């Protein structure tokens, strides 16, 4: 089931996101999220009219997806960058697809023209996932991410929504 995130989801979101921040190349981030970080993020997304969706498995949060501005400046207001994070148990069940489809539907209704994904070169599964969902490779920026004492490329992928 895909639904909007709620404040009571924060502990589950932290339990999914922080191990991926700490242990993987799914994200370049290296600072763990706090309950206050997520509370502020939920409030900001709601205030700005941006989606923050969760996927449930048997009543438990298995992952989430959200979007926000791609870049600052009025000229970019129709382009959004998304984040999608799935827990291990949620992978391979179609929940990621459901989350992306939910973001796309929400984005179209909100007037979003372009949805972008910034994928770490250390996450080839993320590139394959986005390709399978209709995102096109638009750029590869060498050595802009640094994690685990190594430089990583940023792969930009795009899906036109309107």
N, C-alpha and C. Protein backbone atom coordinates (compact mmCIF):
# COMPACT_ATOMS: atom_id res chain seq x y z
N UNK A 1 0.84 -1.18 0.00
CA UNK A 1 0.00 0.00 0.00
C UNK A 1 0.89 1.25 0.00
N UNK A 2 0.58 2.19 -0.85
CA UNK A 2 1.28 3.46 -0.93
C UNK A 2 0.37 4.52 -0.32
N UNK A 3 0.92 5.33 0.58
CA UNK A 3 0.13 6.37 1.24
C UNK A 3 1.03 7.54 1.64
N UNK A 4 0.44 8.68 1.97
CA UNK A 4 1.25 9.80 2.45
C UNK A 4 1.92 9.46 3.79
N UNK A 5 3.13 9.96 3.98
CA UNK A 5 3.84 9.76 5.24
C UNK A 5 3.16 10.56 6.36
N UNK A 6 3.29 10.02 7.57
CA UNK A 6 2.74 10.67 8.76
C UNK A 6 3.85 10.81 9.81
N UNK A 7 3.70 11.71 10.74
CA UNK A 7 4.73 11.85 11.78
C UNK A 7 5.01 10.56 12.55
N UNK A 8 3.99 9.71 12.73
CA UNK A 8 4.23 8.47 13.46
C UNK A 8 5.05 7.45 12.66
N UNK A 9 5.35 7.76 11.38
CA UNK A 9 6.21 6.91 10.56
C UNK A 9 7.69 7.18 10.80
N UNK A 10 8.00 8.26 11.49
CA UNK A 10 9.40 8.69 11.61
C UNK A 10 10.32 7.60 12.17
N UNK A 11 9.99 6.89 13.24
CA UNK A 11 10.92 5.85 13.71
C UNK A 11 11.20 4.78 12.65
N UNK A 12 10.18 4.37 11.91
CA UNK A 12 10.38 3.36 10.86
C UNK A 12 11.23 3.92 9.72
N UNK A 13 11.00 5.19 9.35
CA UNK A 13 11.79 5.81 8.29
C UNK A 13 13.26 5.88 8.69
N UNK A 14 13.53 6.25 9.92
CA UNK A 14 14.92 6.30 10.41
C UNK A 14 15.56 4.91 10.40
N UNK A 15 14.80 3.90 10.78
CA UNK A 15 15.33 2.54 10.82
C UNK A 15 15.68 2.02 9.43
N UNK A 16 15.02 2.52 8.40
CA UNK A 16 15.31 2.13 7.02
C UNK A 16 16.44 2.98 6.45
N UNK A 17 16.36 4.29 6.64
CA UNK A 17 17.26 5.23 5.97
C UNK A 17 18.67 5.23 6.57
N UNK A 18 18.77 5.28 7.89
CA UNK A 18 20.09 5.44 8.51
C UNK A 18 21.06 4.30 8.21
N UNK A 19 20.66 3.04 8.19
CA UNK A 19 21.61 1.99 7.80
C UNK A 19 22.12 2.15 6.36
N UNK A 20 21.26 2.65 5.47
CA UNK A 20 21.69 2.87 4.09
C UNK A 20 22.66 4.04 4.00
N UNK A 21 22.44 5.06 4.81
CA UNK A 21 23.38 6.19 4.86
C UNK A 21 24.73 5.69 5.40
N UNK A 22 24.68 4.94 6.48
CA UNK A 22 25.90 4.48 7.17
C UNK A 22 26.69 3.45 6.38
N UNK A 23 26.01 2.54 5.69
CA UNK A 23 26.67 1.34 5.18
C UNK A 23 26.72 1.17 3.68
N UNK A 24 26.04 2.02 2.90
CA UNK A 24 25.94 1.76 1.46
C UNK A 24 26.25 3.00 0.63
N UNK A 25 26.27 2.78 -0.67
CA UNK A 25 26.44 3.86 -1.63
C UNK A 25 25.11 4.25 -2.28
N UNK A 26 24.00 3.91 -1.66
CA UNK A 26 22.70 4.33 -2.15
C UNK A 26 22.61 5.85 -2.11
N UNK A 27 23.32 6.46 -1.18
CA UNK A 27 23.34 7.91 -1.04
C UNK A 27 24.77 8.35 -0.72
N UNK A 28 25.11 9.55 -1.15
CA UNK A 28 26.41 10.13 -0.78
C UNK A 28 26.38 10.66 0.65
N UNK A 29 25.19 10.85 1.21
CA UNK A 29 25.08 11.38 2.57
C UNK A 29 25.85 10.49 3.54
N UNK A 30 26.45 11.12 4.54
CA UNK A 30 27.15 10.34 5.56
C UNK A 30 26.69 10.72 6.97
N UNK A 31 25.88 11.75 7.09
CA UNK A 31 25.34 12.14 8.39
C UNK A 31 23.98 11.48 8.58
N UNK A 32 23.84 10.75 9.68
CA UNK A 32 22.59 10.06 9.95
C UNK A 32 21.47 11.06 10.21
N UNK A 33 20.27 10.66 9.84
CA UNK A 33 19.08 11.49 10.05
C UNK A 33 18.62 11.35 11.50
N UNK A 34 18.02 12.41 12.02
CA UNK A 34 17.47 12.42 13.37
C UNK A 34 15.95 12.53 13.29
N UNK A 35 15.28 12.24 14.39
CA UNK A 35 13.82 12.45 14.38
C UNK A 35 13.45 13.89 14.04
N UNK A 36 14.20 14.86 14.55
CA UNK A 36 13.92 16.26 14.23
C UNK A 36 14.10 16.54 12.74
N UNK A 37 15.14 15.95 12.13
CA UNK A 37 15.36 16.13 10.68
C UNK A 37 14.13 15.68 9.90
N UNK A 38 13.64 14.49 10.23
CA UNK A 38 12.50 13.97 9.49
C UNK A 38 11.22 14.73 9.79
N UNK A 39 11.04 15.16 11.02
CA UNK A 39 9.86 15.95 11.35
C UNK A 39 9.85 17.24 10.53
N UNK A 40 11.00 17.90 10.47
CA UNK A 40 11.11 19.13 9.68
C UNK A 40 10.89 18.84 8.20
N UNK A 41 11.43 17.73 7.70
CA UNK A 41 11.26 17.37 6.29
C UNK A 41 9.79 17.15 5.97
N UNK A 42 9.09 16.40 6.81
CA UNK A 42 7.66 16.17 6.58
C UNK A 42 6.89 17.49 6.56
N UNK A 43 7.18 18.38 7.50
CA UNK A 43 6.49 19.67 7.56
C UNK A 43 6.79 20.51 6.32
N UNK A 44 8.05 20.52 5.89
CA UNK A 44 8.44 21.31 4.72
C UNK A 44 7.76 20.77 3.46
N UNK A 45 7.76 19.46 3.29
CA UNK A 45 7.12 18.86 2.10
C UNK A 45 5.63 19.20 2.07
N UNK A 46 4.98 19.08 3.22
CA UNK A 46 3.55 19.38 3.28
C UNK A 46 3.30 20.86 2.96
N UNK A 47 4.08 21.75 3.57
CA UNK A 47 3.91 23.19 3.36
C UNK A 47 4.14 23.58 1.90
N UNK A 48 5.13 22.94 1.25
CA UNK A 48 5.48 23.28 -0.13
C UNK A 48 4.66 22.51 -1.17
N UNK A 49 3.81 21.60 -0.70
CA UNK A 49 2.96 20.85 -1.62
C UNK A 49 3.68 19.73 -2.36
N UNK A 50 4.78 19.23 -1.80
CA UNK A 50 5.54 18.14 -2.41
C UNK A 50 5.18 16.81 -1.76
N UNK A 51 5.17 15.79 -2.55
CA UNK A 51 4.80 14.46 -2.06
C UNK A 51 5.86 13.91 -1.11
N UNK A 52 5.42 13.19 -0.10
CA UNK A 52 6.27 12.35 0.74
C UNK A 52 5.43 11.10 1.00
N UNK A 53 5.75 10.04 0.29
CA UNK A 53 4.94 8.82 0.31
C UNK A 53 5.69 7.69 1.01
N UNK A 54 4.95 6.80 1.64
CA UNK A 54 5.53 5.59 2.20
C UNK A 54 4.86 4.37 1.58
N UNK A 55 5.61 3.27 1.55
CA UNK A 55 5.08 1.99 1.10
C UNK A 55 5.00 1.08 2.32
N UNK A 56 3.85 0.46 2.49
CA UNK A 56 3.66 -0.46 3.61
C UNK A 56 3.68 -1.90 3.13
N UNK A 57 4.24 -2.76 3.99
CA UNK A 57 4.21 -4.21 3.81
C UNK A 57 3.61 -4.76 5.09
N UNK A 58 2.45 -5.35 4.99
CA UNK A 58 1.82 -5.92 6.17
C UNK A 58 1.66 -4.93 7.30
N UNK A 59 1.33 -3.69 6.96
CA UNK A 59 1.12 -2.67 7.98
C UNK A 59 2.38 -1.99 8.48
N UNK A 60 3.54 -2.41 7.98
CA UNK A 60 4.82 -1.82 8.39
C UNK A 60 5.41 -1.01 7.25
N UNK A 61 6.06 0.12 7.57
CA UNK A 61 6.71 0.94 6.55
C UNK A 61 7.91 0.19 6.00
N UNK A 62 7.93 0.02 4.66
CA UNK A 62 9.03 -0.68 4.01
C UNK A 62 9.91 0.23 3.17
N UNK A 63 9.47 1.46 2.96
CA UNK A 63 10.25 2.41 2.18
C UNK A 63 9.49 3.70 1.99
N UNK A 64 10.16 4.65 1.34
CA UNK A 64 9.53 5.93 1.10
C UNK A 64 10.09 6.58 -0.15
N UNK A 65 9.37 7.58 -0.62
CA UNK A 65 9.83 8.41 -1.74
C UNK A 65 9.28 9.80 -1.56
N UNK A 66 10.07 10.78 -1.96
CA UNK A 66 9.67 12.17 -1.87
C UNK A 66 10.34 12.95 -2.99
N UNK A 67 9.88 14.17 -3.20
CA UNK A 67 10.57 15.03 -4.15
C UNK A 67 10.59 16.46 -3.63
N UNK A 68 11.51 17.22 -4.22
CA UNK A 68 11.65 18.64 -3.90
C UNK A 68 12.38 19.33 -5.03
N UNK A 69 12.59 20.62 -4.90
CA UNK A 69 13.20 21.39 -5.99
C UNK A 69 14.53 20.80 -6.45
N UNK A 70 14.70 20.77 -7.76
CA UNK A 70 15.96 20.31 -8.36
C UNK A 70 17.06 21.33 -8.11
N UNK A 71 16.75 22.59 -8.34
CA UNK A 71 17.69 23.69 -8.10
C UNK A 71 16.89 24.90 -7.65
N UNK A 72 17.59 25.81 -7.01
CA UNK A 72 16.96 27.07 -6.62
C UNK A 72 16.76 27.94 -7.86
N UNK A 73 15.82 28.83 -7.78
CA UNK A 73 15.56 29.76 -8.87
C UNK A 73 14.24 29.47 -9.54
N UNK A 74 13.52 30.51 -9.84
CA UNK A 74 12.19 30.41 -10.41
C UNK A 74 12.15 29.64 -11.73
N UNK A 75 13.20 29.72 -12.51
CA UNK A 75 13.23 29.03 -13.80
C UNK A 75 13.22 27.52 -13.69
N UNK A 76 13.55 27.00 -12.50
CA UNK A 76 13.58 25.55 -12.28
C UNK A 76 12.33 25.03 -11.56
N UNK A 77 11.33 25.87 -11.38
CA UNK A 77 10.20 25.52 -10.52
C UNK A 77 9.38 24.33 -11.01
N UNK A 78 9.52 23.93 -12.26
CA UNK A 78 8.77 22.79 -12.78
C UNK A 78 9.61 21.51 -12.82
N UNK A 79 10.82 21.57 -12.28
CA UNK A 79 11.72 20.41 -12.26
C UNK A 79 11.98 20.02 -10.81
N UNK A 80 11.77 18.76 -10.49
CA UNK A 80 11.94 18.26 -9.13
C UNK A 80 12.91 17.08 -9.14
N UNK A 81 13.65 16.96 -8.04
CA UNK A 81 14.52 15.81 -7.83
C UNK A 81 13.90 14.94 -6.75
N UNK A 82 13.94 13.64 -6.95
CA UNK A 82 13.32 12.76 -5.96
C UNK A 82 14.36 11.93 -5.21
N UNK A 83 13.89 11.42 -4.10
CA UNK A 83 14.62 10.45 -3.28
C UNK A 83 13.71 9.26 -3.11
N UNK A 84 14.27 8.08 -3.27
CA UNK A 84 13.52 6.86 -2.98
C UNK A 84 14.43 5.94 -2.18
N UNK A 85 13.91 5.45 -1.08
CA UNK A 85 14.65 4.58 -0.17
C UNK A 85 13.77 3.38 0.17
N UNK A 86 14.29 2.19 -0.06
CA UNK A 86 13.57 0.97 0.28
C UNK A 86 14.38 0.14 1.27
N UNK A 87 13.69 -0.40 2.25
CA UNK A 87 14.32 -1.36 3.14
C UNK A 87 14.56 -2.67 2.41
N UNK A 88 15.44 -3.47 2.94
CA UNK A 88 15.81 -4.74 2.30
C UNK A 88 14.59 -5.61 2.02
N UNK A 89 13.68 -5.71 2.98
CA UNK A 89 12.51 -6.58 2.83
C UNK A 89 11.51 -6.06 1.81
N UNK A 90 11.63 -4.80 1.43
CA UNK A 90 10.68 -4.20 0.49
C UNK A 90 11.12 -4.36 -0.96
N UNK A 91 12.35 -4.72 -1.18
CA UNK A 91 12.87 -4.79 -2.56
C UNK A 91 12.31 -6.00 -3.29
N UNK A 92 12.08 -5.80 -4.59
CA UNK A 92 11.60 -6.89 -5.43
C UNK A 92 10.12 -7.20 -5.28
N UNK A 93 9.36 -6.35 -4.65
CA UNK A 93 7.93 -6.56 -4.43
C UNK A 93 7.05 -5.58 -5.19
N UNK A 94 7.66 -4.71 -5.99
CA UNK A 94 6.90 -3.72 -6.73
C UNK A 94 6.61 -2.45 -5.95
N UNK A 95 7.11 -2.37 -4.72
CA UNK A 95 6.84 -1.18 -3.91
C UNK A 95 7.58 0.04 -4.43
N UNK A 96 8.80 -0.16 -4.91
CA UNK A 96 9.55 0.95 -5.49
C UNK A 96 8.83 1.53 -6.70
N UNK A 97 8.35 0.64 -7.54
CA UNK A 97 7.57 1.07 -8.72
C UNK A 97 6.33 1.83 -8.27
N UNK A 98 5.64 1.33 -7.27
CA UNK A 98 4.45 2.00 -6.76
C UNK A 98 4.77 3.38 -6.21
N UNK A 99 5.89 3.50 -5.50
CA UNK A 99 6.29 4.80 -4.96
C UNK A 99 6.60 5.79 -6.08
N UNK A 100 7.36 5.35 -7.09
CA UNK A 100 7.70 6.24 -8.21
C UNK A 100 6.43 6.63 -8.97
N UNK A 101 5.56 5.68 -9.21
CA UNK A 101 4.31 6.00 -9.90
C UNK A 101 3.49 7.00 -9.09
N UNK A 102 3.47 6.84 -7.77
CA UNK A 102 2.77 7.79 -6.91
C UNK A 102 3.38 9.17 -6.99
N UNK A 103 4.72 9.25 -7.00
CA UNK A 103 5.38 10.55 -7.14
C UNK A 103 5.05 11.19 -8.48
N UNK A 104 5.09 10.39 -9.54
CA UNK A 104 4.79 10.92 -10.87
C UNK A 104 3.36 11.44 -10.95
N UNK A 105 2.43 10.69 -10.40
CA UNK A 105 1.02 11.11 -10.40
C UNK A 105 0.86 12.41 -9.61
N UNK A 106 1.45 12.46 -8.43
CA UNK A 106 1.38 13.67 -7.61
C UNK A 106 2.04 14.84 -8.33
N UNK A 107 3.20 14.58 -8.92
CA UNK A 107 3.93 15.63 -9.62
C UNK A 107 3.14 16.20 -10.79
N UNK A 108 2.56 15.32 -11.59
CA UNK A 108 1.75 15.80 -12.73
C UNK A 108 0.62 16.70 -12.24
N UNK A 109 -0.07 16.26 -11.20
CA UNK A 109 -1.17 17.05 -10.66
C UNK A 109 -0.70 18.40 -10.12
N UNK A 110 0.56 18.45 -9.66
CA UNK A 110 1.12 19.68 -9.10
C UNK A 110 1.82 20.53 -10.16
N UNK A 111 1.80 20.09 -11.42
CA UNK A 111 2.42 20.86 -12.49
C UNK A 111 3.90 20.61 -12.69
N UNK A 112 4.41 19.52 -12.13
CA UNK A 112 5.82 19.18 -12.32
C UNK A 112 6.01 18.67 -13.75
N UNK A 113 6.97 19.21 -14.44
CA UNK A 113 7.27 18.81 -15.82
C UNK A 113 8.34 17.72 -15.87
N UNK A 114 9.36 17.84 -15.04
CA UNK A 114 10.52 16.97 -15.12
C UNK A 114 10.86 16.43 -13.73
N UNK A 115 11.01 15.11 -13.62
CA UNK A 115 11.41 14.47 -12.37
C UNK A 115 12.82 13.91 -12.58
N UNK A 116 13.73 14.29 -11.71
CA UNK A 116 15.12 13.89 -11.84
C UNK A 116 15.54 12.98 -10.71
N UNK A 117 16.49 12.09 -11.04
CA UNK A 117 17.10 11.21 -10.06
C UNK A 117 18.60 11.44 -10.10
N UNK A 118 19.20 11.66 -8.96
CA UNK A 118 20.65 11.72 -8.84
C UNK A 118 21.10 10.41 -8.22
N UNK A 119 21.73 9.55 -9.01
CA UNK A 119 22.08 8.20 -8.57
C UNK A 119 23.59 8.07 -8.46
N UNK A 120 24.05 7.52 -7.36
CA UNK A 120 25.48 7.27 -7.16
C UNK A 120 25.98 6.21 -8.13
N UNK A 121 27.18 6.43 -8.66
CA UNK A 121 27.78 5.40 -9.52
C UNK A 121 28.08 4.13 -8.72
N UNK A 122 28.07 4.24 -7.41
CA UNK A 122 28.23 3.07 -6.56
C UNK A 122 26.94 2.31 -6.33
N UNK A 123 25.88 2.70 -7.04
CA UNK A 123 24.57 2.07 -6.90
C UNK A 123 24.03 1.66 -8.27
N UNK A 124 24.65 0.67 -8.92
CA UNK A 124 24.17 0.27 -10.25
C UNK A 124 22.74 -0.25 -10.24
N UNK A 125 22.29 -0.83 -9.13
CA UNK A 125 20.89 -1.27 -9.06
C UNK A 125 19.94 -0.09 -9.16
N UNK A 126 20.34 1.07 -8.61
CA UNK A 126 19.52 2.27 -8.70
C UNK A 126 19.40 2.77 -10.13
N UNK A 127 20.49 2.67 -10.89
CA UNK A 127 20.45 3.06 -12.30
C UNK A 127 19.52 2.13 -13.06
N UNK A 128 19.65 0.83 -12.85
CA UNK A 128 18.79 -0.15 -13.53
C UNK A 128 17.32 0.05 -13.16
N UNK A 129 17.05 0.29 -11.90
CA UNK A 129 15.69 0.53 -11.42
C UNK A 129 15.06 1.72 -12.15
N UNK A 130 15.78 2.84 -12.18
CA UNK A 130 15.24 4.03 -12.83
C UNK A 130 15.08 3.83 -14.33
N UNK A 131 16.02 3.16 -14.96
CA UNK A 131 15.90 2.86 -16.40
C UNK A 131 14.64 2.06 -16.69
N UNK A 132 14.38 1.07 -15.85
CA UNK A 132 13.20 0.21 -16.04
C UNK A 132 11.90 0.99 -15.89
N UNK A 133 11.95 2.12 -15.18
CA UNK A 133 10.75 2.93 -14.96
C UNK A 133 10.65 4.13 -15.89
N UNK A 134 11.47 4.13 -16.94
CA UNK A 134 11.34 5.17 -17.96
C UNK A 134 12.19 6.40 -17.75
N UNK A 135 13.14 6.36 -16.82
CA UNK A 135 14.07 7.47 -16.64
C UNK A 135 15.21 7.29 -17.64
N UNK A 136 15.62 8.39 -18.24
CA UNK A 136 16.71 8.37 -19.21
C UNK A 136 17.96 8.97 -18.60
N UNK A 137 19.10 8.38 -18.93
CA UNK A 137 20.38 8.91 -18.51
C UNK A 137 20.61 10.23 -19.25
N UNK A 138 20.83 11.31 -18.50
CA UNK A 138 21.05 12.61 -19.13
C UNK A 138 22.44 13.17 -18.85
N UNK A 139 23.10 12.69 -17.81
CA UNK A 139 24.44 13.20 -17.50
C UNK A 139 25.14 12.28 -16.51
N UNK A 140 26.43 12.31 -16.61
CA UNK A 140 27.28 11.65 -15.62
C UNK A 140 28.34 12.67 -15.23
N UNK A 141 28.33 13.06 -13.97
CA UNK A 141 29.26 14.07 -13.49
C UNK A 141 30.35 13.35 -12.68
N UNK A 142 31.58 13.33 -13.20
CA UNK A 142 32.64 12.56 -12.55
C UNK A 142 33.05 13.12 -11.19
N UNK A 143 33.24 12.21 -10.26
CA UNK A 143 33.90 12.46 -8.97
C UNK A 143 33.36 13.65 -8.20
N UNK A 144 32.03 13.76 -8.07
CA UNK A 144 31.45 14.85 -7.29
C UNK A 144 30.97 14.39 -5.92
N UNK A 145 30.85 13.09 -5.72
CA UNK A 145 30.47 12.55 -4.41
C UNK A 145 31.68 11.90 -3.75
N UNK A 146 31.77 12.05 -2.44
CA UNK A 146 32.87 11.45 -1.70
C UNK A 146 32.30 10.68 -0.51
N UNK A 147 32.61 9.40 -0.47
CA UNK A 147 32.15 8.55 0.63
C UNK A 147 33.04 7.33 0.70
N UNK A 148 33.26 6.85 1.89
CA UNK A 148 34.11 5.68 2.13
C UNK A 148 35.51 5.89 1.54
N UNK A 149 36.03 7.11 1.70
CA UNK A 149 37.38 7.48 1.25
C UNK A 149 37.59 7.28 -0.25
N UNK A 150 36.54 7.48 -1.02
CA UNK A 150 36.63 7.31 -2.46
C UNK A 150 35.73 8.35 -3.15
N UNK A 151 36.13 8.76 -4.35
CA UNK A 151 35.33 9.66 -5.17
C UNK A 151 34.38 8.84 -6.04
N UNK A 152 33.15 9.34 -6.18
CA UNK A 152 32.11 8.66 -6.94
C UNK A 152 31.47 9.62 -7.94
N UNK A 153 31.02 9.09 -9.05
CA UNK A 153 30.31 9.87 -10.05
C UNK A 153 28.83 10.00 -9.65
N UNK A 154 28.23 11.10 -10.10
CA UNK A 154 26.80 11.30 -9.95
C UNK A 154 26.16 11.08 -11.31
N UNK A 155 25.20 10.18 -11.36
CA UNK A 155 24.49 9.87 -12.59
C UNK A 155 23.12 10.54 -12.50
N UNK A 156 22.85 11.43 -13.45
CA UNK A 156 21.56 12.12 -13.47
C UNK A 156 20.65 11.42 -14.49
N UNK A 157 19.45 11.13 -14.03
CA UNK A 157 18.44 10.48 -14.86
C UNK A 157 17.17 11.33 -14.78
N UNK A 158 16.41 11.33 -15.87
CA UNK A 158 15.26 12.22 -15.98
C UNK A 158 14.07 11.51 -16.61
N UNK A 159 12.91 11.86 -16.09
CA UNK A 159 11.65 11.43 -16.69
C UNK A 159 10.78 12.66 -16.88
N UNK A 160 10.35 12.88 -18.11
CA UNK A 160 9.45 13.99 -18.42
C UNK A 160 8.03 13.55 -18.08
N UNK A 161 7.35 14.34 -17.26
CA UNK A 161 6.01 13.95 -16.79
C UNK A 161 4.89 14.55 -17.61
N UNK A 162 5.10 15.73 -18.21
CA UNK A 162 4.00 16.38 -18.93
C UNK A 162 4.37 16.58 -20.38
